[in-house]
C-alpha atoms as a PDB file:
ATOM      1  CA  ARG A   1     131.518 -26.362  84.427  1.00  0.00           C
ATOM      2  CA  LEU A   2     128.590 -25.225  86.497  1.00  0.00           C
ATOM      3  CA  THR A   3     126.314 -22.442  85.286  1.00  0.00           C
ATOM      4  CA  PHE A   4     124.290 -20.390  87.747  1.00  0.00           C
ATOM      5  CA  PHE A   5     121.130 -18.580  86.809  1.00  0.00           C
ATOM      6  CA  ALA A   6     119.949 -15.533  88.820  1.00  0.00           C
ATOM      7  CA  PHE A   7     116.250 -15.292  89.372  1.00  0.00           C
ATOM      8  CA  PRO A   8     114.670 -11.997  90.512  1.00  0.00           C
ATOM      9  CA  HIS A   9     113.280 -11.940  93.979  1.00  0.00           C
ATOM     10  CA  ALA A  10     109.597 -12.418  93.951  1.00  0.00           C
ATOM     11  CA  VAL A  11     107.800  -9.421  95.542  1.00  0.00           C
ATOM     12  CA  PRO A  12     104.770 -10.586  97.390  1.00  0.00           C
ATOM     13  CA  ALA A  13     101.597  -8.724  96.391  1.00  0.00           C
ATOM     14  CA  MET A  14     100.569  -6.264  99.102  1.00  0.00           C
ATOM     15  CA  SER A  15      97.215  -7.143 100.411  1.00  0.00           C
ATOM     16  CA  ALA A  16      94.444  -4.591 100.604  1.00  0.00           C
ATOM     17  CA  ALA A  17      94.501  -4.894 104.378  1.00  0.00           C
ATOM     18  CA  ALA A  18      98.113  -3.535 104.487  1.00  0.00           C
ATOM     19  CA  LEU A  19      97.246  -0.202 102.701  1.00  0.00           C
ATOM     20  CA  PRO A  20      96.864   2.804 105.061  1.00  0.00           C
ATOM     21  CA  ARG A  21      93.249   3.763 105.410  1.00  0.00           C
ATOM     22  CA  VAL A  22      92.098   7.417 105.545  1.00  0.00           C
ATOM     23  CA  PRO A  23      88.954   8.063 107.562  1.00  0.00           C
ATOM     24  CA  GLU A  24      86.037   9.303 105.506  1.00  0.00           C
ATOM     25  CA  SER A  25      85.528  12.263 107.852  1.00  0.00           C
ATOM     26  CA  LEU A  26      89.104  13.400 107.169  1.00  0.00           C
ATOM     27  CA  LEU A  27      88.549  13.173 103.416  1.00  0.00           C
ATOM     28  CA  LYS A  28      85.403  15.291 103.720  1.00  0.00           C
ATOM     29  CA  LYS A  29      87.280  17.813 105.853  1.00  0.00           C
ATOM     30  CA  ARG A  30      90.061  18.108 103.255  1.00  0.00           C
ATOM     31  CA  LYS A  31      87.537  18.541 100.476  1.00  0.00           C
ATOM     32  CA  THR A  32      85.729  21.258 102.425  1.00  0.00           C
ATOM     33  CA  GLN A  33      88.990  23.080 103.191  1.00  0.00           C
ATOM     34  CA  GLU A  34      89.991  23.002  99.521  1.00  0.00           C
ATOM     35  CA  LYS A  35      86.588  24.407  98.545  1.00  0.00           C
ATOM     36  CA  ILE A  36      86.879  27.204 101.143  1.00  0.00           C
ATOM     37  CA  ALA A  37      90.404  28.064  99.939  1.00  0.00           C
ATOM     38  CA  VAL A  38      89.184  28.352  96.331  1.00  0.00           C
ATOM     39  CA  GLU A  39      86.252  30.563  97.402  1.00  0.00           C
ATOM     40  CA  ARG A  40      88.542  32.787  99.479  1.00  0.00           C
ATOM     41  CA  ALA A  41      90.964  33.219  96.583  1.00  0.00           C
ATOM     42  CA  ALA A  42      88.107  34.157  94.237  1.00  0.00           C
ATOM     43  CA  LYS A  43      86.687  36.608  96.809  1.00  0.00           C
ATOM     44  CA  ALA A  44      90.124  38.181  97.335  1.00  0.00           C
ATOM     45  CA  ILE A  45      90.408  38.828  93.588  1.00  0.00           C
ATOM     46  CA  GLU A  46      86.914  40.371  93.487  1.00  0.00           C
ATOM     47  CA  ASP A  47      87.625  42.536  96.546  1.00  0.00           C
ATOM     48  CA  LYS A  48      90.853  43.770  94.967  1.00  0.00           C
ATOM     49  CA  LYS A  49      88.988  44.804  91.813  1.00  0.00           C
ATOM     50  CA  ALA A  50      86.232  46.479  93.843  1.00  0.00           C
ATOM     51  CA  LYS A  51      88.771  48.401  95.950  1.00  0.00           C
ATOM     52  CA  LYS A  52      90.486  49.630  92.805  1.00  0.00           C
ATOM     53  CA  VAL A  53      87.185  50.960  91.460  1.00  0.00           C
ATOM     54  CA  SER A  54      86.311  52.514  94.832  1.00  0.00           C
ATOM     55  CA  ARG A  55      89.725  54.169  95.061  1.00  0.00           C
ATOM     56  CA  ARG A  56      89.146  55.874  91.726  1.00  0.00           C
ATOM     57  CA  GLU A  57      85.783  57.126  92.966  1.00  0.00           C
ATOM     58  CA  TYR A  58      87.375  58.469  96.163  1.00  0.00           C
ATOM     59  CA  PHE A  59      89.945  60.454  94.167  1.00  0.00           C
ATOM     60  CA  LYS A  60      87.301  61.815  91.806  1.00  0.00           C
ATOM     61  CA  ARG A  61      85.169  63.052  94.685  1.00  0.00           C
ATOM     62  CA  ALA A  62      88.143  64.577  96.483  1.00  0.00           C
ATOM     63  CA  GLU A  63      89.172  66.481  93.325  1.00  0.00           C
ATOM     64  CA  THR A  64      85.586  67.708  92.837  1.00  0.00           C
ATOM     65  CA  TYR A  65      85.412  69.005  96.402  1.00  0.00           C
ATOM     66  CA  VAL A  66      88.788  70.750  96.132  1.00  0.00           C
ATOM     67  CA  ARG A  67      87.614  72.557  92.991  1.00  0.00           C
ATOM     68  CA  GLU A  68      84.386  73.538  94.779  1.00  0.00           C
ATOM     69  CA  TYR A  69      86.249  74.917  97.819  1.00  0.00           C
ATOM     70  CA  ARG A  70      88.635  76.925  95.633  1.00  0.00           C
ATOM     71  CA  ARG A  71      85.791  78.298  93.541  1.00  0.00           C
ATOM     72  CA  THR A  72      83.909  79.413  96.664  1.00  0.00           C
ATOM     73  CA  GLU A  73      87.045  81.095  98.029  1.00  0.00           C
ATOM     74  CA  ARG A  74      87.669  82.909  94.737  1.00  0.00           C
ATOM     75  CA  ASP A  75      84.034  84.081  94.603  1.00  0.00           C
ATOM     76  CA  ILE A  76      84.300  85.627  98.068  1.00  0.00           C
ATOM     77  CA  ILE A  77      87.526  87.437  97.101  1.00  0.00           C
ATOM     78  CA  ARG A  78      85.925  88.699  93.887  1.00  0.00           C
ATOM     79  CA  LEU A  79      82.813  89.989  95.686  1.00  0.00           C
ATOM     80  CA  LYS A  80      84.953  91.749  98.301  1.00  0.00           C
ATOM     81  CA  ARG A  81      86.949  93.482  95.585  1.00  0.00           C
ATOM     82  CA  GLN A  82      83.820  94.552  93.753  1.00  0.00           C
ATOM     83  CA  ALA A  83      82.306  95.964  96.951  1.00  0.00           C
ATOM     84  CA  ARG A  84      85.507  97.809  97.844  1.00  0.00           C
ATOM     85  CA  LYS A  85      85.725  99.224  94.319  1.00  0.00           C
ATOM     86  CA  ALA A  86      82.155 100.514  94.617  1.00  0.00           C
ATOM     87  CA  GLY A  87      82.870 101.980  98.061  1.00  0.00           C
ATOM     88  CA  ASN A  88      80.759  99.403  99.890  1.00  0.00           C
ATOM     89  CA  PHE A  89      81.370  96.512 102.259  1.00  0.00           C
ATOM     90  CA  TYR A  90      80.841  92.850 101.501  1.00  0.00           C
ATOM     91  CA  VAL A  91      79.096  91.003 104.323  1.00  0.00           C
ATOM     92  CA  GLU A  92      79.739  87.260 104.263  1.00  0.00           C
ATOM     93  CA  PRO A  93      76.742  84.927 104.757  1.00  0.00           C
ATOM     94  CA  GLU A  94      76.019  83.777 108.296  1.00  0.00           C
ATOM     95  CA  ALA A  95      77.727  80.601 109.425  1.00  0.00           C
ATOM     96  CA  LYS A  96      75.663  77.414 109.218  1.00  0.00           C
ATOM     97  CA  VAL A  97      77.860  75.237 111.433  1.00  0.00           C
ATOM     98  CA  ALA A  98      79.387  75.844 114.856  1.00  0.00           C
ATOM     99  CA  LEU A  99      82.068  73.936 116.732  1.00  0.00           C
ATOM    100  CA  LEU A 100      81.389  73.535 120.454  1.00  0.00           C
ATOM    101  CA  VAL A 101      84.201  72.743 122.924  1.00  0.00           C
ATOM    102  CA  ARG A 102      83.424  72.018 126.576  1.00  0.00           C
ATOM    103  CA  ILE A 103      85.814  73.827 128.938  1.00  0.00           C
ATOM    104  CA  LYS A 104      84.265  73.310 132.408  1.00  0.00           C
ATOM    105  CA  GLY A 105      83.503  70.302 134.597  1.00  0.00           C
ATOM    106  CA  ILE A 106      80.390  69.215 136.500  1.00  0.00           C
ATOM    107  CA  ASN A 107      80.760  71.191 139.728  1.00  0.00           C
ATOM    108  CA  ALA A 108      77.675  73.261 140.546  1.00  0.00           C
ATOM    109  CA  VAL A 109      75.983  72.508 137.219  1.00  0.00           C
ATOM    110  CA  SER A 110      72.211  72.944 137.169  1.00  0.00           C
ATOM    111  CA  PRO A 111      70.073  70.056 135.879  1.00  0.00           C
ATOM    112  CA  LYS A 112      68.955  72.054 132.833  1.00  0.00           C
ATOM    113  CA  VAL A 113      72.537  72.844 131.800  1.00  0.00           C
ATOM    114  CA  LYS A 114      73.591  69.245 132.420  1.00  0.00           C
ATOM    115  CA  LYS A 115      70.743  67.984 130.213  1.00  0.00           C
ATOM    116  CA  VAL A 116      71.648  70.313 127.335  1.00  0.00           C
ATOM    117  CA  LEU A 117      75.305  69.272 127.565  1.00  0.00           C
ATOM    118  CA  GLN A 118      74.183  65.633 127.346  1.00  0.00           C
ATOM    119  CA  LEU A 119      72.016  66.401 124.311  1.00  0.00           C
ATOM    120  CA  PHE A 120      75.046  67.920 122.589  1.00  0.00           C
ATOM    121  CA  ARG A 121      77.112  64.852 123.700  1.00  0.00           C
ATOM    122  CA  LEU A 122      79.550  67.106 125.597  1.00  0.00           C
ATOM    123  CA  ARG A 123      80.017  64.753 128.553  1.00  0.00           C
ATOM    124  CA  GLN A 124      83.710  65.431 129.248  1.00  0.00           C
ATOM    125  CA  ILE A 125      86.020  68.429 129.446  1.00  0.00           C
ATOM    126  CA  ASN A 126      87.710  69.212 126.099  1.00  0.00           C
ATOM    127  CA  ASN A 127      85.106  67.285 124.121  1.00  0.00           C
ATOM    128  CA  ALA A 128      84.150  68.932 120.823  1.00  0.00           C
ATOM    129  CA  VAL A 129      81.188  68.493 118.449  1.00  0.00           C
ATOM    130  CA  PHE A 130      79.842  70.089 115.274  1.00  0.00           C
ATOM    131  CA  VAL A 131      76.348  71.610 115.530  1.00  0.00           C
ATOM    132  CA  LYS A 132      74.024  72.918 112.844  1.00  0.00           C
ATOM    133  CA  LEU A 133      72.983  76.490 113.672  1.00  0.00           C
ATOM    134  CA  ASN A 134      69.250  77.208 113.770  1.00  0.00           C
ATOM    135  CA  LYS A 135      66.903  78.858 116.237  1.00  0.00           C
ATOM    136  CA  PRO A 136      66.531  75.859 118.634  1.00  0.00           C
ATOM    137  CA  THR A 137      70.262  75.064 118.739  1.00  0.00           C
ATOM    138  CA  ILE A 138      71.193  78.734 119.214  1.00  0.00           C
ATOM    139  CA  ASN A 139      68.833  78.924 122.225  1.00  0.00           C
ATOM    140  CA  MET A 140      70.391  75.738 123.645  1.00  0.00           C
ATOM    141  CA  ILE A 141      73.889  77.147 123.152  1.00  0.00           C
ATOM    142  CA  ARG A 142      72.918  80.252 125.127  1.00  0.00           C
ATOM    143  CA  ILE A 143      71.896  78.036 128.065  1.00  0.00           C
ATOM    144  CA  ILE A 144      75.304  76.311 128.241  1.00  0.00           C
ATOM    145  CA  GLU A 145      77.424  79.265 127.070  1.00  0.00           C
ATOM    146  CA  PRO A 146      79.364  79.666 130.392  1.00  0.00           C
ATOM    147  CA  TYR A 147      80.549  76.047 130.055  1.00  0.00           C
ATOM    148  CA  ILE A 148      81.712  76.013 126.432  1.00  0.00           C
ATOM    149  CA  ALA A 149      83.853  77.852 123.921  1.00  0.00           C
ATOM    150  CA  TYR A 150      82.359  77.902 120.434  1.00  0.00           C
ATOM    151  CA  GLY A 151      82.798  79.488 117.055  1.00  0.00           C
ATOM    152  CA  TYR A 152      82.662  78.946 113.328  1.00  0.00           C
ATOM    153  CA  PRO A 153      85.223  76.427 111.987  1.00  0.00           C
ATOM    154  CA  ASN A 154      86.942  76.788 108.634  1.00  0.00           C
ATOM    155  CA  LEU A 155      87.848  74.019 106.192  1.00  0.00           C
ATOM    156  CA  LYS A 156      91.306  73.440 107.677  1.00  0.00           C
ATOM    157  CA  THR A 157      89.928  72.987 111.203  1.00  0.00           C
ATOM    158  CA  VAL A 158      87.259  70.522 110.064  1.00  0.00           C
ATOM    159  CA  ARG A 159      89.778  68.530 108.037  1.00  0.00           C
ATOM    160  CA  ASP A 160      92.333  68.407 110.853  1.00  0.00           C
ATOM    161  CA  LEU A 161      89.759  67.250 113.400  1.00  0.00           C
ATOM    162  CA  VAL A 162      88.354  64.499 111.188  1.00  0.00           C
ATOM    163  CA  TYR A 163      91.745  63.243 110.018  1.00  0.00           C
ATOM    164  CA  LYS A 164      93.634  63.548 113.329  1.00  0.00           C
ATOM    165  CA  ARG A 165      90.922  62.944 115.949  1.00  0.00           C
ATOM    166  CA  GLY A 166      88.145  61.315 113.911  1.00  0.00           C
ATOM    167  CA  TYR A 167      86.400  58.234 115.316  1.00  0.00           C
ATOM    168  CA  GLY A 168      83.159  56.667 114.140  1.00  0.00           C
ATOM    169  CA  LYS A 169      80.356  54.919 115.988  1.00  0.00           C
ATOM    170  CA  VAL A 170      80.038  51.373 114.629  1.00  0.00           C
ATOM    171  CA  ASN A 171      77.774  49.002 116.569  1.00  0.00           C
ATOM    172  CA  LYS A 172      78.059  51.327 119.589  1.00  0.00           C
ATOM    173  CA  SER A 173      81.859  51.016 119.490  1.00  0.00           C
ATOM    174  CA  ARG A 174      84.459  53.783 118.984  1.00  0.00           C
ATOM    175  CA  ILE A 175      86.285  52.876 115.766  1.00  0.00           C
ATOM    176  CA  PRO A 176      89.111  55.020 114.247  1.00  0.00           C
ATOM    177  CA  LEU A 177      88.447  56.354 110.741  1.00  0.00           C
ATOM    178  CA  SER A 178      91.518  54.663 109.273  1.00  0.00           C
ATOM    179  CA  ASP A 179      89.637  53.010 106.401  1.00  0.00           C
ATOM    180  CA  ASN A 180      86.961  54.339 104.063  1.00  0.00           C
ATOM    181  CA  ALA A 181      85.224  50.958 104.283  1.00  0.00           C
ATOM    182  CA  THR A 182      84.219  51.840 107.862  1.00  0.00           C
ATOM    183  CA  ILE A 183      82.428  54.968 106.627  1.00  0.00           C
ATOM    184  CA  GLU A 184      80.872  53.262 103.626  1.00  0.00           C
ATOM    185  CA  GLY A 185      79.543  50.429 105.780  1.00  0.00           C
ATOM    186  CA  VAL A 186      77.516  52.842 107.948  1.00  0.00           C
ATOM    187  CA  LEU A 187      76.768  55.819 105.669  1.00  0.00           C
ATOM    188  CA  GLY A 188      76.996  54.196 102.232  1.00  0.00           C
ATOM    189  CA  SER A 189      73.210  54.219 101.797  1.00  0.00           C
ATOM    190  CA  LEU A 190      73.307  58.041 102.056  1.00  0.00           C
ATOM    191  CA  GLY A 191      75.974  58.398  99.374  1.00  0.00           C
ATOM    192  CA  VAL A 192      78.731  59.103 101.928  1.00  0.00           C
ATOM    193  CA  ILE A 193      81.471  56.595 101.121  1.00  0.00           C
ATOM    194  CA  CYS A 194      84.783  58.239 102.070  1.00  0.00           C
ATOM    195  CA  ILE A 195      86.313  60.638 104.593  1.00  0.00           C
ATOM    196  CA  GLU A 196      86.224  63.529 102.101  1.00  0.00           C
ATOM    197  CA  ASP A 197      82.434  63.081 101.873  1.00  0.00           C
ATOM    198  CA  VAL A 198      82.239  63.433 105.666  1.00  0.00           C
ATOM    199  CA  ILE A 199      84.282  66.653 105.576  1.00  0.00           C
ATOM    200  CA  HIS A 200      82.182  68.044 102.704  1.00  0.00           C
ATOM    201  CA  GLU A 201      78.900  67.375 104.532  1.00  0.00           C
ATOM    202  CA  ILE A 202      80.176  69.229 107.615  1.00  0.00           C
ATOM    203  CA  VAL A 203      81.694  72.205 105.772  1.00  0.00           C
ATOM    204  CA  THR A 204      78.680  72.769 103.509  1.00  0.00           C
ATOM    205  CA  CYS A 205      76.069  71.698 106.111  1.00  0.00           C
ATOM    206  CA  GLY A 206      74.650  69.228 103.595  1.00  0.00           C
ATOM    207  CA  ASP A 207      71.444  67.202 103.639  1.00  0.00           C
ATOM    208  CA  ASN A 208      73.110  64.377 105.582  1.00  0.00           C
ATOM    209  CA  PHE A 209      74.739  66.628 108.206  1.00  0.00           C
ATOM    210  CA  LYS A 210      72.743  65.122 111.078  1.00  0.00           C
ATOM    211  CA  GLN A 211      73.533  61.508 110.171  1.00  0.00           C
ATOM    212  CA  VAL A 212      77.229  62.287 109.606  1.00  0.00           C
ATOM    213  CA  THR A 213      77.685  64.137 112.911  1.00  0.00           C
ATOM    214  CA  ASN A 214      75.802  61.400 114.787  1.00  0.00           C
ATOM    215  CA  PHE A 215      78.146  58.848 113.214  1.00  0.00           C
ATOM    216  CA  LEU A 216      81.207  60.805 114.382  1.00  0.00           C
ATOM    217  CA  TRP A 217      82.217  60.213 117.986  1.00  0.00           C
ATOM    218  CA  PRO A 218      82.710  63.459 119.986  1.00  0.00           C
ATOM    219  CA  PHE A 219      86.284  64.653 119.426  1.00  0.00           C
ATOM    220  CA  LYS A 220      88.591  64.261 122.427  1.00  0.00           C
ATOM    221  CA  LEU A 221      91.009  67.207 122.474  1.00  0.00           C
ATOM    222  CA  ASN A 222      93.963  68.157 124.667  1.00  0.00           C
ATOM    223  CA  SER A 223      94.129  71.231 126.863  1.00  0.00           C
ATOM    224  CA  PRO A 224      95.298  74.224 124.797  1.00  0.00           C
ATOM    225  CA  THR A 225      98.994  75.004 124.613  1.00  0.00           C
ATOM    226  CA  GLY A 226      99.773  77.363 127.480  1.00  0.00           C
ATOM    227  CA  GLY A 227      96.544  76.511 129.307  1.00  0.00           C
ATOM    228  CA  TRP A 228      93.308  78.460 129.624  1.00  0.00           C
ATOM    229  CA  THR A 229      93.274  82.185 130.388  1.00  0.00           C
ATOM    230  CA  LYS A 230      90.289  82.518 132.724  1.00  0.00           C
ATOM    231  CA  LYS A 231      87.334  80.161 132.395  1.00  0.00           C
ATOM    232  CA  THR A 232      85.033  82.315 134.534  1.00  0.00           C
ATOM    233  CA  ASN A 233      85.181  85.254 132.089  1.00  0.00           C
ATOM    234  CA  SER A 234      83.755  85.431 128.605  1.00  0.00           C
ATOM    235  CA  PHE A 235      85.977  85.709 125.554  1.00  0.00           C
ATOM    236  CA  ILE A 236      85.073  89.351 124.935  1.00  0.00           C
ATOM    237  CA  GLU A 237      86.184  90.123 128.519  1.00  0.00           C
ATOM    238  CA  GLY A 238      89.545  88.461 127.996  1.00  0.00           C
ATOM    239  CA  GLY A 239      88.432  85.058 129.289  1.00  0.00           C
ATOM    240  CA  ASP A 240      87.679  81.726 127.633  1.00  0.00           C
ATOM    241  CA  TYR A 241      83.978  80.860 127.422  1.00  0.00           C
ATOM    242  CA  GLY A 242      81.474  82.110 124.877  1.00  0.00           C
ATOM    243  CA  ASN A 243      81.459  82.915 121.180  1.00  0.00           C
ATOM    244  CA  ARG A 244      84.884  83.239 119.544  1.00  0.00           C
ATOM    245  CA  ALA A 245      83.591  83.413 115.944  1.00  0.00           C
ATOM    246  CA  GLU A 246      86.526  82.616 113.607  1.00  0.00           C
ATOM    247  CA  TYR A 247      89.037  82.636 116.509  1.00  0.00           C
ATOM    248  CA  ILE A 248      87.829  79.154 117.462  1.00  0.00           C
ATOM    249  CA  ASN A 249      90.125  77.868 114.699  1.00  0.00           C
ATOM    250  CA  LYS A 250      93.239  79.106 116.496  1.00  0.00           C
ATOM    251  CA  LEU A 251      92.044  77.541 119.766  1.00  0.00           C
ATOM    252  CA  VAL A 252      91.360  74.131 118.169  1.00  0.00           C
ATOM    253  CA  GLN A 253      94.734  74.140 116.405  1.00  0.00           C
ATOM    254  CA  SER A 254      96.396  74.460 119.819  1.00  0.00           C
ATOM    255  CA  MET A 255      94.293  71.589 121.191  1.00  0.00           C
ATOM    256  CA  THR A 256      94.909  68.973 118.448  1.00  0.00           C
END
């Protein structure tokens, strides 16, 4: 009887020359990419925490401003009632901010008028800007009065313009105000970090009014619903140009 013995196949040892070699440059590249990925993940976590803190600050400021606006409104109502009860009239303080809207083109415009319009950044028809009222600006407004409609905006008008038509000037580019980070990046050093800060500075004519209005790009509005009445006549004559006082709010609502 024959007996057979099975021997395992001998596996030849793989030589070092047969192993696939990875270039050293590729290994360095992988290591660098892994390091960058770790840093990005850590930065994303930090940014998320920072945004959460910033969001809380935005809400706190917005609530503070709302309380301030309501308190101011209640004070005016109370003073009016007191004056009426005493048989007097309550005269509200003079407006500190005006909203200028350009309504005419460049035909037959004198150099002086053209220069003032450029200084106010009213370079196109239906452009609008906020202006702080003082003696120099009032004199400049009188020069260009036949070419603009202006008045005194309320809180709703300011908020609608900034939220609906607000653009900022970042590195000489027109950037929409869709993120508070855009505002904080330019005006953060002044304590203006969110869109509610921008609105508050305009409404109250704050210390940073000039920087905030220079940051805002001139508002581009539509023609009013129903068109203009008569641009060659002043508002008090039934036309369009000139001072509209609080009626500028109705005009801007029809142009946004």
